[in-house]
C-alpha atoms as a PDB file:
ATOM      1  CA  UNK A   1    -101.737-151.723 -34.378  1.00  0.00           C
ATOM      2  CA  UNK A   2    -103.230-155.176 -34.027  1.00  0.00           C
ATOM      3  CA  UNK A   3    -101.366-157.715 -31.921  1.00  0.00           C
ATOM      4  CA  UNK A   4     -98.820-159.557 -34.064  1.00  0.00           C
ATOM      5  CA  UNK A   5     -96.730-162.682 -33.623  1.00  0.00           C
ATOM      6  CA  UNK A   6     -93.931-160.900 -31.749  1.00  0.00           C
ATOM      7  CA  UNK A   7     -96.363-159.133 -29.462  1.00  0.00           C
ATOM      8  CA  UNK A   8     -98.477-162.243 -28.905  1.00  0.00           C
ATOM      9  CA  UNK A   9     -95.481-164.012 -27.407  1.00  0.00           C
ATOM     10  CA  UNK A  10     -95.541-161.501 -24.533  1.00  0.00           C
ATOM     11  CA  UNK A  11     -99.034-161.273 -23.105  1.00  0.00           C
ATOM     12  CA  UNK A  12    -100.615-158.563 -20.957  1.00  0.00           C
ATOM     13  CA  UNK A  13    -102.898-159.329 -18.046  1.00  0.00           C
ATOM     14  CA  UNK A  14    -105.685-157.030 -16.966  1.00  0.00           C
ATOM     15  CA  UNK A  15    -104.417-154.196 -19.132  1.00  0.00           C
ATOM     16  CA  UNK A  16    -101.035-154.082 -17.367  1.00  0.00           C
ATOM     17  CA  UNK A  17     -97.763-155.467 -18.623  1.00  0.00           C
ATOM     18  CA  UNK A  18     -96.130-158.161 -16.524  1.00  0.00           C
ATOM     19  CA  UNK A  19     -92.653-159.702 -16.536  1.00  0.00           C
ATOM     20  CA  UNK A  20     -92.254-162.844 -18.605  1.00  0.00           C
ATOM     21  CA  UNK A  21     -92.745-165.857 -16.348  1.00  0.00           C
ATOM     22  CA  UNK A  22     -93.079-168.807 -18.697  1.00  0.00           C
ATOM     23  CA  UNK A  23     -89.528-168.425 -20.041  1.00  0.00           C
ATOM     24  CA  UNK A  24     -86.536-166.978 -18.264  1.00  0.00           C
ATOM     25  CA  UNK A  25     -83.687-165.167 -19.925  1.00  0.00           C
ATOM     26  CA  UNK A  26     -80.615-167.391 -19.976  1.00  0.00           C
ATOM     27  CA  UNK A  27     -77.190-166.017 -19.046  1.00  0.00           C
ATOM     28  CA  UNK A  28     -74.555-166.765 -21.683  1.00  0.00           C
ATOM     29  CA  UNK A  29     -71.753-164.343 -20.763  1.00  0.00           C
ATOM     30  CA  UNK A  30     -70.571-162.692 -17.569  1.00  0.00           C
ATOM     31  CA  UNK A  31     -68.177-159.780 -17.168  1.00  0.00           C
ATOM     32  CA  UNK A  32     -66.837-157.560 -14.436  1.00  0.00           C
ATOM     33  CA  UNK A  33     -69.304-154.722 -13.726  1.00  0.00           C
ATOM     34  CA  UNK A  34     -68.751-152.425 -16.695  1.00  0.00           C
ATOM     35  CA  UNK A  35     -70.828-150.891 -19.466  1.00  0.00           C
ATOM     36  CA  UNK A  36     -71.807-153.431 -22.111  1.00  0.00           C
ATOM     37  CA  UNK A  37     -72.875-152.788 -25.685  1.00  0.00           C
ATOM     38  CA  UNK A  38     -74.171-155.389 -28.100  1.00  0.00           C
ATOM     39  CA  UNK A  39     -74.079-155.960 -31.832  1.00  0.00           C
ATOM     40  CA  UNK A  40     -75.156-158.877 -34.007  1.00  0.00           C
ATOM     41  CA  UNK A  41     -73.912-159.381 -37.551  1.00  0.00           C
ATOM     42  CA  UNK A  42     -75.136-162.439 -39.449  1.00  0.00           C
ATOM     43  CA  UNK A  43     -74.558-165.340 -37.031  1.00  0.00           C
ATOM     44  CA  UNK A  44     -72.006-163.668 -34.780  1.00  0.00           C
ATOM     45  CA  UNK A  45     -72.608-161.796 -31.544  1.00  0.00           C
ATOM     46  CA  UNK A  46     -70.241-158.992 -30.585  1.00  0.00           C
ATOM     47  CA  UNK A  47     -69.991-157.723 -27.018  1.00  0.00           C
ATOM     48  CA  UNK A  48     -68.221-154.428 -26.439  1.00  0.00           C
ATOM     49  CA  UNK A  49     -67.045-153.548 -22.943  1.00  0.00           C
ATOM     50  CA  UNK A  50     -66.453-149.863 -22.193  1.00  0.00           C
ATOM     51  CA  UNK A  51     -64.213-149.224 -19.202  1.00  0.00           C
ATOM     52  CA  UNK A  52     -64.721-145.557 -18.330  1.00  0.00           C
ATOM     53  CA  UNK A  53     -61.928-145.271 -15.789  1.00  0.00           C
ATOM     54  CA  UNK A  54     -59.370-146.741 -18.186  1.00  0.00           C
ATOM     55  CA  UNK A  55     -60.785-144.924 -21.233  1.00  0.00           C
ATOM     56  CA  UNK A  56     -60.617-148.075 -23.331  1.00  0.00           C
ATOM     57  CA  UNK A  57     -62.950-150.536 -24.985  1.00  0.00           C
ATOM     58  CA  UNK A  58     -62.699-154.275 -25.379  1.00  0.00           C
ATOM     59  CA  UNK A  59     -64.493-156.379 -27.957  1.00  0.00           C
ATOM     60  CA  UNK A  60     -65.355-160.072 -27.897  1.00  0.00           C
ATOM     61  CA  UNK A  61     -67.204-162.102 -30.504  1.00  0.00           C
ATOM     62  CA  UNK A  62     -68.713-165.579 -30.596  1.00  0.00           C
ATOM     63  CA  UNK A  63     -70.950-167.649 -32.903  1.00  0.00           C
ATOM     64  CA  UNK A  64     -74.595-167.359 -31.937  1.00  0.00           C
ATOM     65  CA  UNK A  65     -74.944-171.109 -31.544  1.00  0.00           C
ATOM     66  CA  UNK A  66     -72.271-171.242 -28.826  1.00  0.00           C
ATOM     67  CA  UNK A  67     -73.207-170.606 -25.215  1.00  0.00           C
ATOM     68  CA  UNK A  68     -69.699-170.376 -23.833  1.00  0.00           C
ATOM     69  CA  UNK A  69     -67.390-167.424 -24.212  1.00  0.00           C
ATOM     70  CA  UNK A  70     -65.375-167.748 -27.405  1.00  0.00           C
ATOM     71  CA  UNK A  71     -62.802-165.782 -29.325  1.00  0.00           C
ATOM     72  CA  UNK A  72     -60.888-164.095 -26.508  1.00  0.00           C
ATOM     73  CA  UNK A  73     -59.908-160.457 -26.349  1.00  0.00           C
ATOM     74  CA  UNK A  74     -59.965-159.039 -29.852  1.00  0.00           C
ATOM     75  CA  UNK A  75     -58.738-155.504 -29.476  1.00  0.00           C
ATOM     76  CA  UNK A  76     -58.136-152.688 -27.046  1.00  0.00           C
ATOM     77  CA  UNK A  77     -58.968-149.256 -28.347  1.00  0.00           C
ATOM     78  CA  UNK A  78     -57.751-146.035 -26.802  1.00  0.00           C
ATOM     79  CA  UNK A  79     -60.732-143.677 -26.658  1.00  0.00           C
ATOM     80  CA  UNK A  80     -59.848-139.978 -26.547  1.00  0.00           C
ATOM     81  CA  UNK A  81     -62.080-138.214 -24.040  1.00  0.00           C
ATOM     82  CA  UNK A  82     -63.323-135.793 -26.687  1.00  0.00           C
ATOM     83  CA  UNK A  83     -64.516-138.675 -28.877  1.00  0.00           C
ATOM     84  CA  UNK A  84     -66.142-140.854 -26.235  1.00  0.00           C
ATOM     85  CA  UNK A  85     -69.662-139.483 -26.630  1.00  0.00           C
ATOM     86  CA  UNK A  86     -71.244-141.212 -29.620  1.00  0.00           C
ATOM     87  CA  UNK A  87     -73.515-143.718 -27.921  1.00  0.00           C
ATOM     88  CA  UNK A  88     -75.893-145.740 -30.087  1.00  0.00           C
ATOM     89  CA  UNK A  89     -76.434-145.924 -33.831  1.00  0.00           C
ATOM     90  CA  UNK A  90     -78.628-147.351 -36.572  1.00  0.00           C
ATOM     91  CA  UNK A  91     -78.427-147.303 -40.369  1.00  0.00           C
ATOM     92  CA  UNK A  92     -81.370-146.037 -42.384  1.00  0.00           C
ATOM     93  CA  UNK A  93     -82.471-147.531 -45.701  1.00  0.00           C
ATOM     94  CA  UNK A  94     -80.246-145.095 -47.612  1.00  0.00           C
ATOM     95  CA  UNK A  95     -77.086-146.127 -45.807  1.00  0.00           C
ATOM     96  CA  UNK A  96     -76.894-143.061 -43.564  1.00  0.00           C
ATOM     97  CA  UNK A  97     -75.713-143.701 -39.999  1.00  0.00           C
ATOM     98  CA  UNK A  98     -78.002-142.118 -37.386  1.00  0.00           C
ATOM     99  CA  UNK A  99     -76.515-141.850 -33.911  1.00  0.00           C
ATOM    100  CA  UNK A 100     -77.047-140.260 -30.513  1.00  0.00           C
ATOM    101  CA  UNK A 101     -74.446-138.099 -28.806  1.00  0.00           C
ATOM    102  CA  UNK A 102     -75.060-137.814 -25.042  1.00  0.00           C
ATOM    103  CA  UNK A 103     -72.389-136.580 -22.600  1.00  0.00           C
ATOM    104  CA  UNK A 104     -71.645-140.079 -21.290  1.00  0.00           C
ATOM    105  CA  UNK A 105     -68.020-141.166 -21.443  1.00  0.00           C
ATOM    106  CA  UNK A 106     -66.719-137.704 -20.586  1.00  0.00           C
ATOM    107  CA  UNK A 107     -65.308-137.132 -17.127  1.00  0.00           C
ATOM    108  CA  UNK A 108     -67.708-134.657 -15.549  1.00  0.00           C
ATOM    109  CA  UNK A 109     -70.579-135.371 -17.943  1.00  0.00           C
ATOM    110  CA  UNK A 110     -72.380-132.202 -19.003  1.00  0.00           C
ATOM    111  CA  UNK A 111     -69.845-130.141 -17.015  1.00  0.00           C
ATOM    112  CA  UNK A 112     -66.807-131.810 -18.553  1.00  0.00           C
ATOM    113  CA  UNK A 113     -63.962-129.571 -19.671  1.00  0.00           C
ATOM    114  CA  UNK A 114     -63.575-131.893 -22.662  1.00  0.00           C
ATOM    115  CA  UNK A 115     -66.966-131.077 -24.163  1.00  0.00           C
ATOM    116  CA  UNK A 116     -66.576-129.706 -27.665  1.00  0.00           C
ATOM    117  CA  UNK A 117     -70.267-128.945 -28.174  1.00  0.00           C
ATOM    118  CA  UNK A 118     -72.628-127.059 -25.892  1.00  0.00           C
ATOM    119  CA  UNK A 119     -75.535-129.373 -26.728  1.00  0.00           C
ATOM    120  CA  UNK A 120     -76.321-133.064 -27.052  1.00  0.00           C
ATOM    121  CA  UNK A 121     -77.757-134.212 -30.316  1.00  0.00           C
ATOM    122  CA  UNK A 122     -79.070-136.773 -32.736  1.00  0.00           C
ATOM    123  CA  UNK A 123     -76.884-136.827 -35.848  1.00  0.00           C
ATOM    124  CA  UNK A 124     -76.847-138.347 -39.297  1.00  0.00           C
ATOM    125  CA  UNK A 125     -73.561-139.301 -40.898  1.00  0.00           C
ATOM    126  CA  UNK A 126     -74.523-139.363 -44.548  1.00  0.00           C
ATOM    127  CA  UNK A 127     -73.200-141.973 -46.916  1.00  0.00           C
ATOM    128  CA  UNK A 128     -71.461-139.040 -48.646  1.00  0.00           C
ATOM    129  CA  UNK A 129     -69.509-138.259 -45.467  1.00  0.00           C
ATOM    130  CA  UNK A 130     -71.542-135.183 -44.525  1.00  0.00           C
ATOM    131  CA  UNK A 131     -72.467-134.880 -40.844  1.00  0.00           C
ATOM    132  CA  UNK A 132     -75.928-133.404 -40.155  1.00  0.00           C
ATOM    133  CA  UNK A 133     -77.458-132.416 -36.826  1.00  0.00           C
ATOM    134  CA  UNK A 134     -81.035-133.718 -36.776  1.00  0.00           C
ATOM    135  CA  UNK A 135     -82.149-132.659 -33.281  1.00  0.00           C
ATOM    136  CA  UNK A 136     -80.648-131.052 -30.188  1.00  0.00           C
ATOM    137  CA  UNK A 137     -83.726-130.838 -27.962  1.00  0.00           C
ATOM    138  CA  UNK A 138     -83.134-133.995 -25.881  1.00  0.00           C
ATOM    139  CA  UNK A 139     -80.533-133.574 -23.143  1.00  0.00           C
ATOM    140  CA  UNK A 140     -79.687-137.266 -22.782  1.00  0.00           C
ATOM    141  CA  UNK A 141     -80.412-139.007 -26.108  1.00  0.00           C
ATOM    142  CA  UNK A 142     -79.331-142.611 -25.771  1.00  0.00           C
ATOM    143  CA  UNK A 143     -80.883-145.624 -27.524  1.00  0.00           C
ATOM    144  CA  UNK A 144     -81.959-145.228 -31.145  1.00  0.00           C
ATOM    145  CA  UNK A 145     -84.041-147.326 -33.533  1.00  0.00           C
ATOM    146  CA  UNK A 146     -86.020-147.107 -36.754  1.00  0.00           C
ATOM    147  CA  UNK A 147     -89.421-148.577 -37.581  1.00  0.00           C
ATOM    148  CA  UNK A 148     -89.385-151.274 -40.304  1.00  0.00           C
ATOM    149  CA  UNK A 149     -90.615-148.751 -42.881  1.00  0.00           C
ATOM    150  CA  UNK A 150     -87.962-146.252 -41.806  1.00  0.00           C
ATOM    151  CA  UNK A 151     -90.487-143.446 -41.369  1.00  0.00           C
ATOM    152  CA  UNK A 152     -90.370-143.319 -37.554  1.00  0.00           C
ATOM    153  CA  UNK A 153     -87.285-142.789 -35.406  1.00  0.00           C
ATOM    154  CA  UNK A 154     -87.326-143.895 -31.755  1.00  0.00           C
ATOM    155  CA  UNK A 155     -85.062-142.388 -29.104  1.00  0.00           C
ATOM    156  CA  UNK A 156     -84.533-143.541 -25.531  1.00  0.00           C
ATOM    157  CA  UNK A 157     -83.788-140.607 -23.225  1.00  0.00           C
ATOM    158  CA  UNK A 158     -81.902-141.631 -20.082  1.00  0.00           C
ATOM    159  CA  UNK A 159     -82.640-138.359 -18.336  1.00  0.00           C
ATOM    160  CA  UNK A 160     -82.739-139.175 -14.612  1.00  0.00           C
ATOM    161  CA  UNK A 161     -85.308-136.407 -14.002  1.00  0.00           C
ATOM    162  CA  UNK A 162     -87.663-137.077 -16.915  1.00  0.00           C
ATOM    163  CA  UNK A 163     -86.834-140.466 -18.441  1.00  0.00           C
ATOM    164  CA  UNK A 164     -88.833-141.185 -21.571  1.00  0.00           C
ATOM    165  CA  UNK A 165     -88.915-142.665 -25.032  1.00  0.00           C
ATOM    166  CA  UNK A 166     -89.523-140.264 -27.915  1.00  0.00           C
ATOM    167  CA  UNK A 167     -90.624-140.711 -31.512  1.00  0.00           C
ATOM    168  CA  UNK A 168     -90.009-138.559 -34.582  1.00  0.00           C
ATOM    169  CA  UNK A 169     -91.345-138.672 -38.105  1.00  0.00           C
ATOM    170  CA  UNK A 170     -88.562-139.132 -40.660  1.00  0.00           C
ATOM    171  CA  UNK A 171     -88.976-136.956 -43.740  1.00  0.00           C
ATOM    172  CA  UNK A 172     -88.019-138.017 -47.255  1.00  0.00           C
ATOM    173  CA  UNK A 173     -84.829-135.933 -46.991  1.00  0.00           C
ATOM    174  CA  UNK A 174     -83.860-137.676 -43.745  1.00  0.00           C
ATOM    175  CA  UNK A 175     -84.673-134.760 -41.471  1.00  0.00           C
ATOM    176  CA  UNK A 176     -86.903-135.182 -38.413  1.00  0.00           C
ATOM    177  CA  UNK A 177     -90.280-133.666 -37.549  1.00  0.00           C
ATOM    178  CA  UNK A 178     -93.237-134.135 -35.214  1.00  0.00           C
ATOM    179  CA  UNK A 179     -91.267-134.920 -32.057  1.00  0.00           C
ATOM    180  CA  UNK A 180     -93.524-136.546 -29.477  1.00  0.00           C
ATOM    181  CA  UNK A 181     -93.363-138.499 -26.231  1.00  0.00           C
ATOM    182  CA  UNK A 182     -93.701-142.157 -27.160  1.00  0.00           C
ATOM    183  CA  UNK A 183     -93.818-143.324 -23.542  1.00  0.00           C
ATOM    184  CA  UNK A 184     -93.157-141.348 -20.358  1.00  0.00           C
ATOM    185  CA  UNK A 185     -91.194-143.413 -17.812  1.00  0.00           C
ATOM    186  CA  UNK A 186     -91.014-140.704 -15.142  1.00  0.00           C
ATOM    187  CA  UNK A 187     -93.344-142.562 -12.785  1.00  0.00           C
ATOM    188  CA  UNK A 188     -90.901-145.490 -12.649  1.00  0.00           C
ATOM    189  CA  UNK A 189     -87.712-143.565 -11.843  1.00  0.00           C
ATOM    190  CA  UNK A 190     -88.028-143.924  -8.057  1.00  0.00           C
ATOM    191  CA  UNK A 191     -88.999-147.592  -8.080  1.00  0.00           C
ATOM    192  CA  UNK A 192     -86.036-149.380  -6.471  1.00  0.00           C
ATOM    193  CA  UNK A 193     -87.156-152.659  -8.043  1.00  0.00           C
ATOM    194  CA  UNK A 194     -86.834-151.225 -11.553  1.00  0.00           C
ATOM    195  CA  UNK A 195     -83.227-150.136 -11.922  1.00  0.00           C
ATOM    196  CA  UNK A 196     -82.187-148.301 -15.068  1.00  0.00           C
ATOM    197  CA  UNK A 197     -83.427-145.766 -17.604  1.00  0.00           C
ATOM    198  CA  UNK A 198     -84.453-145.826 -21.290  1.00  0.00           C
ATOM    199  CA  UNK A 199     -81.434-147.012 -23.239  1.00  0.00           C
ATOM    200  CA  UNK A 200     -80.641-149.224 -26.230  1.00  0.00           C
ATOM    201  CA  UNK A 201     -83.314-150.868 -28.354  1.00  0.00           C
ATOM    202  CA  UNK A 202     -84.157-153.231 -31.193  1.00  0.00           C
ATOM    203  CA  UNK A 203     -87.105-153.145 -33.598  1.00  0.00           C
ATOM    204  CA  UNK A 204     -88.737-156.368 -34.788  1.00  0.00           C
ATOM    205  CA  UNK A 205     -89.784-156.628 -38.440  1.00  0.00           C
ATOM    206  CA  UNK A 206     -93.390-156.770 -37.172  1.00  0.00           C
ATOM    207  CA  UNK A 207     -92.907-153.285 -35.728  1.00  0.00           C
ATOM    208  CA  UNK A 208     -92.650-154.284 -32.057  1.00  0.00           C
ATOM    209  CA  UNK A 209     -90.095-152.160 -30.227  1.00  0.00           C
ATOM    210  CA  UNK A 210     -87.864-153.962 -27.707  1.00  0.00           C
ATOM    211  CA  UNK A 211     -86.492-151.173 -25.528  1.00  0.00           C
ATOM    212  CA  UNK A 212     -84.187-151.525 -22.546  1.00  0.00           C
ATOM    213  CA  UNK A 213     -85.371-149.411 -19.640  1.00  0.00           C
ATOM    214  CA  UNK A 214     -86.405-149.528 -15.982  1.00  0.00           C
ATOM    215  CA  UNK A 215     -86.190-153.108 -14.751  1.00  0.00           C
ATOM    216  CA  UNK A 216     -85.279-154.770 -18.036  1.00  0.00           C
ATOM    217  CA  UNK A 217     -86.668-154.728 -21.584  1.00  0.00           C
ATOM    218  CA  UNK A 218     -90.010-153.152 -22.476  1.00  0.00           C
ATOM    219  CA  UNK A 219     -92.092-154.171 -25.488  1.00  0.00           C
ATOM    220  CA  UNK A 220     -94.169-151.522 -27.256  1.00  0.00           C
ATOM    221  CA  UNK A 221     -96.392-151.488 -30.288  1.00  0.00           C
ATOM    222  CA  UNK A 222     -95.972-148.611 -32.734  1.00  0.00           C
ATOM    223  CA  UNK A 223     -98.468-146.472 -30.804  1.00  0.00           C
ATOM    224  CA  UNK A 224     -96.471-146.625 -27.588  1.00  0.00           C
ATOM    225  CA  UNK A 225     -98.741-149.171 -25.922  1.00  0.00           C
ATOM    226  CA  UNK A 226     -96.853-151.462 -23.536  1.00  0.00           C
ATOM    227  CA  UNK A 227     -97.220-155.077 -24.608  1.00  0.00           C
ATOM    228  CA  UNK A 228     -95.054-156.577 -21.864  1.00  0.00           C
ATOM    229  CA  UNK A 229     -91.864-156.255 -19.841  1.00  0.00           C
ATOM    230  CA  UNK A 230     -88.958-158.668 -19.501  1.00  0.00           C
ATOM    231  CA  UNK A 231     -87.602-158.310 -15.993  1.00  0.00           C
ATOM    232  CA  UNK A 232     -83.826-158.835 -15.740  1.00  0.00           C
ATOM    233  CA  UNK A 233     -83.246-157.678 -12.167  1.00  0.00           C
ATOM    234  CA  UNK A 234     -80.312-155.534 -13.307  1.00  0.00           C
ATOM    235  CA  UNK A 235     -79.755-152.182 -14.969  1.00  0.00           C
ATOM    236  CA  UNK A 236     -80.266-153.084 -18.630  1.00  0.00           C
ATOM    237  CA  UNK A 237     -78.361-151.159 -21.273  1.00  0.00           C
ATOM    238  CA  UNK A 238     -79.121-152.735 -24.628  1.00  0.00           C
ATOM    239  CA  UNK A 239     -80.746-155.522 -26.610  1.00  0.00           C
ATOM    240  CA  UNK A 240     -80.497-156.965 -30.092  1.00  0.00           C
ATOM    241  CA  UNK A 241     -82.397-159.518 -32.159  1.00  0.00           C
ATOM    242  CA  UNK A 242     -80.742-162.395 -33.974  1.00  0.00           C
ATOM    243  CA  UNK A 243     -80.957-162.249 -37.758  1.00  0.00           C
ATOM    244  CA  UNK A 244     -83.852-164.738 -37.775  1.00  0.00           C
ATOM    245  CA  UNK A 245     -85.563-162.763 -34.949  1.00  0.00           C
ATOM    246  CA  UNK A 246     -85.980-165.940 -32.900  1.00  0.00           C
ATOM    247  CA  UNK A 247     -83.675-164.855 -30.076  1.00  0.00           C
ATOM    248  CA  UNK A 248     -83.371-161.634 -28.112  1.00  0.00           C
ATOM    249  CA  UNK A 249     -79.952-160.854 -26.658  1.00  0.00           C
ATOM    250  CA  UNK A 250     -79.830-158.518 -23.660  1.00  0.00           C
ATOM    251  CA  UNK A 251     -76.918-156.762 -21.959  1.00  0.00           C
ATOM    252  CA  UNK A 252     -77.757-156.242 -18.289  1.00  0.00           C
ATOM    253  CA  UNK A 253     -75.010-154.612 -16.217  1.00  0.00           C
ATOM    254  CA  UNK A 254     -72.410-157.399 -16.098  1.00  0.00           C
ATOM    255  CA  UNK A 255     -74.096-160.219 -18.023  1.00  0.00           C
ATOM    256  CA  UNK A 256     -75.433-161.059 -21.478  1.00  0.00           C
ATOM    257  CA  UNK A 257     -78.812-162.805 -21.462  1.00  0.00           C
ATOM    258  CA  UNK A 258     -80.893-164.558 -24.096  1.00  0.00           C
ATOM    259  CA  UNK A 259     -84.602-165.224 -24.381  1.00  0.00           C
ATOM    260  CA  UNK A 260     -86.355-167.024 -27.254  1.00  0.00           C
ATOM    261  CA  UNK A 261     -88.939-165.174 -29.339  1.00  0.00           C
ATOM    262  CA  UNK A 262     -91.649-167.548 -30.535  1.00  0.00           C
END
């Protein structure tokens, strides 16, 4: 698609994407090295810390206009090993919850004795309560996002052998078709300067995909063309846009970062 206002903010040079240099991501939170997840609802940011060894999660929230940690520890949740797999999720326009189900969170991963399924999948929890398997062909489905129209589903696969982002067409009945490689990140897996694999993502209303991956956050247009990369210097797990889409929040290993979107 043609360059749009979100994509124009992050320029390419000589046909290759480069890290953002004119603005640096600003650290607003710091945690002990643990897995971080991110959610934004209205004007509140929620940071969820998953401690694998303790099998518990912690949640912390703060107003988006505050830069210091606020709110304190909200809740500790015991996570049964058999239920620790659901990874990332997004609602479609019909209120169905689409989510990925990799083996992360289970002691032993794919060889865990706690596995209840012999596959990893992409699921839809219907608004009626029905659970539907949409795809089981990706071994490590991780990040998930929908295009603004809802007709394309993006999946980040954190497969350490063949890391990639995939795209599916979404049918009228919610089922998936036309699976394809959106962007193959295999050539970056051995680059020691680009830690991490395809993971969580956010989709701008202009259609630009912000996808955490090797080295930070990658920006794609809807054809899988790289518009730019935001280099964080840490393994980057997730990102989310503020409700006005003027700020990108990034979870990178043990910190939460922000960068303005002009």
